[in-house]
Amino acid sequence: MSFLLDTNICSAHLRRPSGLAHRFLQHSGRLFVPTVALGELYAWAFKRSDPSPLLHLIDDQLLRDIDVLDYDSPCAYEFGNL
């Protein structure tokens, strides 16, 4: 079984890595984040006076543990259809 993570779960993991680390390890290789949620995480980082530490966490730690699922036109079409 795979898991699609939302912005809240990813931000909680970035705030307190030890809190969810065991789950990230437990489900390694089966964790995904959509590009929309990744964009929200980047927006969260860039709203800070110094985004560098958070950008580092996103790029070097979070994206090391999960795969990004692109949201493209066919996805948007199916979303609209549903």
PDB file of N, CA and C in Angstrom:
ATOM      1  N   MET A   1       0.833  -1.163   0.000  1.00  0.00           N
ATOM      2  CA  MET A   1       0.000   0.000   0.000  1.00  0.00           C
ATOM      3  C   MET A   1       0.891   1.245   0.000  1.00  0.00           C
ATOM      4  N   SER A   2       0.530   2.230  -0.810  1.00  0.00           N
ATOM      5  CA  SER A   2       1.245   3.504  -0.886  1.00  0.00           C
ATOM      6  C   SER A   2       0.458   4.573  -0.161  1.00  0.00           C
ATOM      7  N   PHE A   3       1.137   5.671   0.174  1.00  0.00           N
ATOM      8  CA  PHE A   3       0.510   6.752   0.929  1.00  0.00           C
ATOM      9  C   PHE A   3       0.778   8.091   0.253  1.00  0.00           C
ATOM     10  N   LEU A   4      -0.279   8.866   0.050  1.00  0.00           N
ATOM     11  CA  LEU A   4      -0.175  10.204  -0.501  1.00  0.00           C
ATOM     12  C   LEU A   4      -0.237  11.186   0.661  1.00  0.00           C
ATOM     13  N   LEU A   5       0.855  11.902   0.881  1.00  0.00           N
ATOM     14  CA  LEU A   5       0.962  12.806   2.023  1.00  0.00           C
ATOM     15  C   LEU A   5       0.458  14.193   1.645  1.00  0.00           C
ATOM     16  N   ASP A   6      -0.211  14.834   2.582  1.00  0.00           N
ATOM     17  CA  ASP A   6      -0.659  16.200   2.340  1.00  0.00           C
ATOM     18  C   ASP A   6       0.303  17.190   2.989  1.00  0.00           C
ATOM     19  N   THR A   7       0.028  18.456   2.784  1.00  0.00           N
ATOM     20  CA  THR A   7       0.899  19.514   3.295  1.00  0.00           C
ATOM     21  C   THR A   7       1.035  19.451   4.807  1.00  0.00           C
ATOM     22  N   ASN A   8      -0.049  19.160   5.504  1.00  0.00           N
ATOM     23  CA  ASN A   8      -0.013  19.132   6.971  1.00  0.00           C
ATOM     24  C   ASN A   8       0.930  18.059   7.502  1.00  0.00           C
ATOM     25  N   ILE A   9       0.903  16.881   6.933  1.00  0.00           N
ATOM     26  CA  ILE A   9       1.781  15.801   7.383  1.00  0.00           C
ATOM     27  C   ILE A   9       3.236  16.150   7.085  1.00  0.00           C
ATOM     28  N   CYS A  10       3.488  16.680   5.892  1.00  0.00           N
ATOM     29  CA  CYS A  10       4.866  17.047   5.531  1.00  0.00           C
ATOM     30  C   CYS A  10       5.396  18.163   6.413  1.00  0.00           C
ATOM     31  N   SER A  11       4.572  19.177   6.682  1.00  0.00           N
ATOM     32  CA  SER A  11       5.042  20.281   7.526  1.00  0.00           C
ATOM     33  C   SER A  11       5.255  19.812   8.962  1.00  0.00           C
ATOM     34  N   ALA A  12       4.411  18.916   9.446  1.00  0.00           N
ATOM     35  CA  ALA A  12       4.604  18.362  10.794  1.00  0.00           C
ATOM     36  C   ALA A  12       5.928  17.594  10.860  1.00  0.00           C
ATOM     37  N   HIS A  13       6.229  16.860   9.802  1.00  0.00           N
ATOM     38  CA  HIS A  13       7.494  16.108   9.761  1.00  0.00           C
ATOM     39  C   HIS A  13       8.692  17.066   9.735  1.00  0.00           C
ATOM     40  N   LEU A  14       8.561  18.178   9.019  1.00  0.00           N
ATOM     41  CA  LEU A  14       9.655  19.140   8.951  1.00  0.00           C
ATOM     42  C   LEU A  14       9.838  19.884  10.267  1.00  0.00           C
ATOM     43  N   ARG A  15       8.737  20.125  10.978  1.00  0.00           N
ATOM     44  CA  ARG A  15       8.836  20.822  12.268  1.00  0.00           C
ATOM     45  C   ARG A  15       9.464  19.939  13.340  1.00  0.00           C
ATOM     46  N   ARG A  16       9.066  18.669  13.355  1.00  0.00           N
ATOM     47  CA  ARG A  16       9.557  17.722  14.370  1.00  0.00           C
ATOM     48  C   ARG A  16       9.888  16.398  13.697  1.00  0.00           C
ATOM     49  N   PRO A  17      11.035  16.313  13.062  1.00  0.00           N
ATOM     50  CA  PRO A  17      11.383  15.094  12.324  1.00  0.00           C
ATOM     51  C   PRO A  17      11.327  13.826  13.167  1.00  0.00           C
ATOM     52  N   SER A  18      11.657  13.930  14.427  1.00  0.00           N
ATOM     53  CA  SER A  18      11.644  12.719  15.261  1.00  0.00           C
ATOM     54  C   SER A  18      10.227  12.225  15.518  1.00  0.00           C
ATOM     55  N   GLY A  19       9.244  13.112  15.411  1.00  0.00           N
ATOM     56  CA  GLY A  19       7.859  12.721  15.681  1.00  0.00           C
ATOM     57  C   GLY A  19       7.287  11.744  14.669  1.00  0.00           C
ATOM     58  N   LEU A  20       7.647  11.886  13.415  1.00  0.00           N
ATOM     59  CA  LEU A  20       7.110  11.018  12.362  1.00  0.00           C
ATOM     60  C   LEU A  20       8.176  10.161  11.684  1.00  0.00           C
ATOM     61  N   ALA A  21       9.404  10.272  12.125  1.00  0.00           N
ATOM     62  CA  ALA A  21      10.501   9.567  11.458  1.00  0.00           C
ATOM     63  C   ALA A  21      10.260   8.066  11.388  1.00  0.00           C
ATOM     64  N   HIS A  22       9.728   7.488  12.449  1.00  0.00           N
ATOM     65  CA  HIS A  22       9.496   6.042  12.433  1.00  0.00           C
ATOM     66  C   HIS A  22       8.480   5.649  11.367  1.00  0.00           C
ATOM     67  N   ARG A  23       7.492   6.500  11.115  1.00  0.00           N
ATOM     68  CA  ARG A  23       6.498   6.208  10.071  1.00  0.00           C
ATOM     69  C   ARG A  23       7.114   6.363   8.684  1.00  0.00           C
ATOM     70  N   PHE A  24       7.948   7.379   8.525  1.00  0.00           N
ATOM     71  CA  PHE A  24       8.607   7.570   7.240  1.00  0.00           C
ATOM     72  C   PHE A  24       9.526   6.385   6.936  1.00  0.00           C
ATOM     73  N   LEU A  25      10.211   5.882   7.941  1.00  0.00           N
ATOM     74  CA  LEU A  25      11.066   4.710   7.743  1.00  0.00           C
ATOM     75  C   LEU A  25      10.238   3.451   7.498  1.00  0.00           C
ATOM     76  N   GLN A  26       9.161   3.322   8.236  1.00  0.00           N
ATOM     77  CA  GLN A  26       8.297   2.144   8.127  1.00  0.00           C
ATOM     78  C   GLN A  26       7.728   2.010   6.713  1.00  0.00           C
ATOM     79  N   HIS A  27       7.383   3.132   6.098  1.00  0.00           N
ATOM     80  CA  HIS A  27       6.735   3.114   4.785  1.00  0.00           C
ATOM     81  C   HIS A  27       7.661   3.617   3.673  1.00  0.00           C
ATOM     82  N   SER A  28       8.948   3.511   3.893  1.00  0.00           N
ATOM     83  CA  SER A  28       9.938   3.970   2.927  1.00  0.00           C
ATOM     84  C   SER A  28       9.685   3.360   1.544  1.00  0.00           C
ATOM     85  N   GLY A  29       9.773   4.212   0.529  1.00  0.00           N
ATOM     86  CA  GLY A  29       9.539   3.762  -0.840  1.00  0.00           C
ATOM     87  C   GLY A  29       8.091   3.760  -1.243  1.00  0.00           C
ATOM     88  N   ARG A  30       7.204   4.051  -0.293  1.00  0.00           N
ATOM     89  CA  ARG A  30       5.776   4.043  -0.587  1.00  0.00           C
ATOM     90  C   ARG A  30       5.099   5.361  -0.201  1.00  0.00           C
ATOM     91  N   LEU A  31       5.908   6.404  -0.031  1.00  0.00           N
ATOM     92  CA  LEU A  31       5.387   7.716   0.359  1.00  0.00           C
ATOM     93  C   LEU A  31       5.477   8.671  -0.822  1.00  0.00           C
ATOM     94  N   PHE A  32       4.383   9.382  -1.056  1.00  0.00           N
ATOM     95  CA  PHE A  32       4.308  10.299  -2.185  1.00  0.00           C
ATOM     96  C   PHE A  32       3.702  11.616  -1.743  1.00  0.00           C
ATOM     97  N   VAL A  33       4.070  12.688  -2.454  1.00  0.00           N
ATOM     98  CA  VAL A  33       3.499  14.004  -2.223  1.00  0.00           C
ATOM     99  C   VAL A  33       3.154  14.593  -3.592  1.00  0.00           C
ATOM    100  N   PRO A  34       1.973  15.193  -3.738  1.00  0.00           N
ATOM    101  CA  PRO A  34       1.645  15.824  -5.019  1.00  0.00           C
ATOM    102  C   PRO A  34       2.369  17.161  -5.169  1.00  0.00           C
ATOM    103  N   THR A  35       2.586  17.579  -6.393  1.00  0.00           N
ATOM    104  CA  THR A  35       3.277  18.842  -6.638  1.00  0.00           C
ATOM    105  C   THR A  35       2.547  20.022  -6.012  1.00  0.00           C
ATOM    106  N   VAL A  36       1.234  19.939  -5.896  1.00  0.00           N
ATOM    107  CA  VAL A  36       0.466  21.026  -5.275  1.00  0.00           C
ATOM    108  C   VAL A  36       0.887  21.189  -3.816  1.00  0.00           C
ATOM    109  N   ALA A  37       0.990  20.096  -3.092  1.00  0.00           N
ATOM    110  CA  ALA A  37       1.409  20.153  -1.686  1.00  0.00           C
ATOM    111  C   ALA A  37       2.857  20.613  -1.573  1.00  0.00           C
ATOM    112  N   LEU A  38       3.709  20.170  -2.481  1.00  0.00           N
ATOM    113  CA  LEU A  38       5.100  20.604  -2.466  1.00  0.00           C
ATOM    114  C   LEU A  38       5.186  22.117  -2.690  1.00  0.00           C
ATOM    115  N   GLY A  39       4.363  22.637  -3.573  1.00  0.00           N
ATOM    116  CA  GLY A  39       4.316  24.081  -3.797  1.00  0.00           C
ATOM    117  C   GLY A  39       3.900  24.831  -2.548  1.00  0.00           C
ATOM    118  N   GLU A  40       2.955  24.279  -1.800  1.00  0.00           N
ATOM    119  CA  GLU A  40       2.534  24.904  -0.538  1.00  0.00           C
ATOM    120  C   GLU A  40       3.675  24.914   0.472  1.00  0.00           C
ATOM    121  N   LEU A  41       4.459  23.865   0.509  1.00  0.00           N
ATOM    122  CA  LEU A  41       5.602  23.815   1.415  1.00  0.00           C
ATOM    123  C   LEU A  41       6.647  24.860   1.035  1.00  0.00           C
ATOM    124  N   TYR A  42       6.894  25.007  -0.262  1.00  0.00           N
ATOM    125  CA  TYR A  42       7.837  26.041  -0.704  1.00  0.00           C
ATOM    126  C   TYR A  42       7.306  27.436  -0.370  1.00  0.00           C
ATOM    127  N   ALA A  43       6.001  27.663  -0.543  1.00  0.00           N
ATOM    128  CA  ALA A  43       5.409  28.964  -0.200  1.00  0.00           C
ATOM    129  C   ALA A  43       5.589  29.242   1.287  1.00  0.00           C
ATOM    130  N   TRP A  44       5.415  28.225   2.117  1.00  0.00           N
ATOM    131  CA  TRP A  44       5.610  28.353   3.565  1.00  0.00           C
ATOM    132  C   TRP A  44       7.049  28.782   3.860  1.00  0.00           C
ATOM    133  N   ALA A  45       7.986  28.183   3.146  1.00  0.00           N
ATOM    134  CA  ALA A  45       9.400  28.520   3.363  1.00  0.00           C
ATOM    135  C   ALA A  45       9.701  29.955   2.936  1.00  0.00           C
ATOM    136  N   PHE A  46       9.219  30.345   1.759  1.00  0.00           N
ATOM    137  CA  PHE A  46       9.544  31.669   1.234  1.00  0.00           C
ATOM    138  C   PHE A  46       8.862  32.801   1.978  1.00  0.00           C
ATOM    139  N   LYS A  47       7.863  32.505   2.804  1.00  0.00           N
ATOM    140  CA  LYS A  47       7.215  33.540   3.623  1.00  0.00           C
ATOM    141  C   LYS A  47       8.041  33.895   4.853  1.00  0.00           C
ATOM    142  N   ARG A  48       9.035  33.104   5.154  1.00  0.00           N
ATOM    143  CA  ARG A  48       9.899  33.368   6.308  1.00  0.00           C
ATOM    144  C   ARG A  48      10.936  34.422   5.957  1.00  0.00           C
ATOM    145  N   SER A  49      11.424  35.120   6.975  1.00  0.00           N
ATOM    146  CA  SER A  49      12.458  36.122   6.724  1.00  0.00           C
ATOM    147  C   SER A  49      13.736  35.479   6.192  1.00  0.00           C
ATOM    148  N   ASP A  50      14.035  34.271   6.643  1.00  0.00           N
ATOM    149  CA  ASP A  50      15.175  33.513   6.123  1.00  0.00           C
ATOM    150  C   ASP A  50      14.678  32.128   5.717  1.00  0.00           C
ATOM    151  N   PRO A  51      14.355  31.942   4.441  1.00  0.00           N
ATOM    152  CA  PRO A  51      13.811  30.657   4.002  1.00  0.00           C
ATOM    153  C   PRO A  51      14.850  29.539   3.885  1.00  0.00           C
ATOM    154  N   SER A  52      16.120  29.861   3.944  1.00  0.00           N
ATOM    155  CA  SER A  52      17.170  28.872   3.685  1.00  0.00           C
ATOM    156  C   SER A  52      17.087  27.604   4.528  1.00  0.00           C
ATOM    157  N   PRO A  53      16.926  27.706   5.860  1.00  0.00           N
ATOM    158  CA  PRO A  53      16.876  26.467   6.645  1.00  0.00           C
ATOM    159  C   PRO A  53      15.713  25.550   6.253  1.00  0.00           C
ATOM    160  N   LEU A  54      14.554  26.144   6.020  1.00  0.00           N
ATOM    161  CA  LEU A  54      13.393  25.336   5.660  1.00  0.00           C
ATOM    162  C   LEU A  54      13.528  24.780   4.241  1.00  0.00           C
ATOM    163  N   LEU A  55      14.058  25.571   3.332  1.00  0.00           N
ATOM    164  CA  LEU A  55      14.299  25.065   1.974  1.00  0.00           C
ATOM    165  C   LEU A  55      15.266  23.888   2.008  1.00  0.00           C
ATOM    166  N   HIS A  56      16.271  23.986   2.863  1.00  0.00           N
ATOM    167  CA  HIS A  56      17.224  22.880   3.020  1.00  0.00           C
ATOM    168  C   HIS A  56      16.504  21.620   3.514  1.00  0.00           C
ATOM    169  N   LEU A  57      15.632  21.774   4.496  1.00  0.00           N
ATOM    170  CA  LEU A  57      14.895  20.619   5.014  1.00  0.00           C
ATOM    171  C   LEU A  57      14.010  19.995   3.935  1.00  0.00           C
ATOM    172  N   ILE A  58      13.326  20.840   3.178  1.00  0.00           N
ATOM    173  CA  ILE A  58      12.448  20.331   2.123  1.00  0.00           C
ATOM    174  C   ILE A  58      13.261  19.585   1.070  1.00  0.00           C
ATOM    175  N   ASP A  59      14.296  20.244   0.560  1.00  0.00           N
ATOM    176  CA  ASP A  59      15.061  19.673  -0.551  1.00  0.00           C
ATOM    177  C   ASP A  59      15.940  18.495  -0.159  1.00  0.00           C
ATOM    178  N   ASP A  60      16.586  18.596   0.984  1.00  0.00           N
ATOM    179  CA  ASP A  60      17.579  17.576   1.338  1.00  0.00           C
ATOM    180  C   ASP A  60      17.066  16.478   2.262  1.00  0.00           C
ATOM    181  N   GLN A  61      15.975  16.714   2.946  1.00  0.00           N
ATOM    182  CA  GLN A  61      15.489  15.679   3.851  1.00  0.00           C
ATOM    183  C   GLN A  61      14.141  15.127   3.411  1.00  0.00           C
ATOM    184  N   LEU A  62      13.169  15.996   3.215  1.00  0.00           N
ATOM    185  CA  LEU A  62      11.836  15.516   2.850  1.00  0.00           C
ATOM    186  C   LEU A  62      11.844  14.828   1.493  1.00  0.00           C
ATOM    187  N   LEU A  63      12.410  15.483   0.494  1.00  0.00           N
ATOM    188  CA  LEU A  63      12.396  14.914  -0.852  1.00  0.00           C
ATOM    189  C   LEU A  63      13.320  13.720  -1.007  1.00  0.00           C
ATOM    190  N   ARG A  64      14.165  13.497  -0.027  1.00  0.00           N
ATOM    191  CA  ARG A  64      14.997  12.294  -0.018  1.00  0.00           C
ATOM    192  C   ARG A  64      14.159  11.067   0.361  1.00  0.00           C
ATOM    193  N   ASP A  65      13.112  11.301   1.162  1.00  0.00           N
ATOM    194  CA  ASP A  65      12.308  10.202   1.703  1.00  0.00           C
ATOM    195  C   ASP A  65      11.030   9.923   0.925  1.00  0.00           C
ATOM    196  N   ILE A  66      10.608  10.859   0.078  1.00  0.00           N
ATOM    197  CA  ILE A  66       9.334  10.677  -0.623  1.00  0.00           C
ATOM    198  C   ILE A  66       9.496  10.980  -2.107  1.00  0.00           C
ATOM    199  N   ASP A  67       8.554  10.480  -2.894  1.00  0.00           N
ATOM    200  CA  ASP A  67       8.529  10.746  -4.326  1.00  0.00           C
ATOM    201  C   ASP A  67       7.463  11.783  -4.624  1.00  0.00           C
ATOM    202  N   VAL A  68       7.726  12.612  -5.621  1.00  0.00           N
ATOM    203  CA  VAL A  68       6.793  13.668  -6.013  1.00  0.00           C
ATOM    204  C   VAL A  68       5.947  13.172  -7.179  1.00  0.00           C
ATOM    205  N   LEU A  69       4.633  13.355  -7.052  1.00  0.00           N
ATOM    206  CA  LEU A  69       3.699  12.999  -8.118  1.00  0.00           C
ATOM    207  C   LEU A  69       3.280  14.269  -8.835  1.00  0.00           C
ATOM    208  N   ASP A  70       3.556  14.307 -10.126  1.00  0.00           N
ATOM    209  CA  ASP A  70       3.204  15.482 -10.910  1.00  0.00           C
ATOM    210  C   ASP A  70       1.695  15.572 -11.087  1.00  0.00           C
ATOM    211  N   TYR A  71       1.211  16.794 -10.999  1.00  0.00           N
ATOM    212  CA  TYR A  71      -0.198  17.084 -11.256  1.00  0.00           C
ATOM    213  C   TYR A  71      -0.245  17.716 -12.634  1.00  0.00           C
ATOM    214  N   ASP A  72      -0.806  16.995 -13.587  1.00  0.00           N
ATOM    215  CA  ASP A  72      -0.784  17.456 -14.967  1.00  0.00           C
ATOM    216  C   ASP A  72      -2.200  17.615 -15.516  1.00  0.00           C
ATOM    217  N   SER A  73      -2.302  17.920 -16.784  1.00  0.00           N
ATOM    218  CA  SER A  73      -3.603  18.168 -17.411  1.00  0.00           C
ATOM    219  C   SER A  73      -4.548  16.968 -17.325  1.00  0.00           C
ATOM    220  N   PRO A  74      -4.072  15.745 -17.587  1.00  0.00           N
ATOM    221  CA  PRO A  74      -4.996  14.609 -17.429  1.00  0.00           C
ATOM    222  C   PRO A  74      -5.525  14.469 -15.995  1.00  0.00           C
ATOM    223  N   CYS A  75      -4.690  14.781 -15.011  1.00  0.00           N
ATOM    224  CA  CYS A  75      -5.145  14.749 -13.617  1.00  0.00           C
ATOM    225  C   CYS A  75      -6.230  15.800 -13.396  1.00  0.00           C
ATOM    226  N   ALA A  76      -6.006  16.991 -13.930  1.00  0.00           N
ATOM    227  CA  ALA A  76      -6.990  18.063 -13.788  1.00  0.00           C
ATOM    228  C   ALA A  76      -8.302  17.681 -14.464  1.00  0.00           C
ATOM    229  N   TYR A  77      -8.228  17.038 -15.599  1.00  0.00           N
ATOM    230  CA  TYR A  77      -9.419  16.586 -16.312  1.00  0.00           C
ATOM    231  C   TYR A  77     -10.215  15.590 -15.465  1.00  0.00           C
ATOM    232  N   GLU A  78      -9.517  14.607 -14.903  1.00  0.00           N
ATOM    233  CA  GLU A  78     -10.194  13.615 -14.067  1.00  0.00           C
ATOM    234  C   GLU A  78     -10.772  14.255 -12.809  1.00  0.00           C
ATOM    235  N   PHE A  79     -10.045  15.189 -12.223  1.00  0.00           N
ATOM    236  CA  PHE A  79     -10.551  15.911 -11.056  1.00  0.00           C
ATOM    237  C   PHE A  79     -11.864  16.603 -11.416  1.00  0.00           C
ATOM    238  N   GLY A  80     -11.870  17.313 -12.525  1.00  0.00           N
ATOM    239  CA  GLY A  80     -13.085  17.990 -12.964  1.00  0.00           C
ATOM    240  C   GLY A  80     -14.213  17.023 -13.253  1.00  0.00           C
ATOM    241  N   ASN A  81     -13.885  15.877 -13.808  1.00  0.00           N
ATOM    242  CA  ASN A  81     -14.892  14.863 -14.116  1.00  0.00           C
ATOM    243  C   ASN A  81     -15.489  14.272 -12.852  1.00  0.00           C
ATOM    244  N   LEU A  82     -14.662  14.067 -11.853  1.00  0.00           N
ATOM    245  CA  LEU A  82     -15.153  13.483 -10.594  1.00  0.00           C
ATOM    246  C   LEU A  82     -15.923  14.525  -9.793  1.00  0.00           C
TER     247      LEU A  82
END
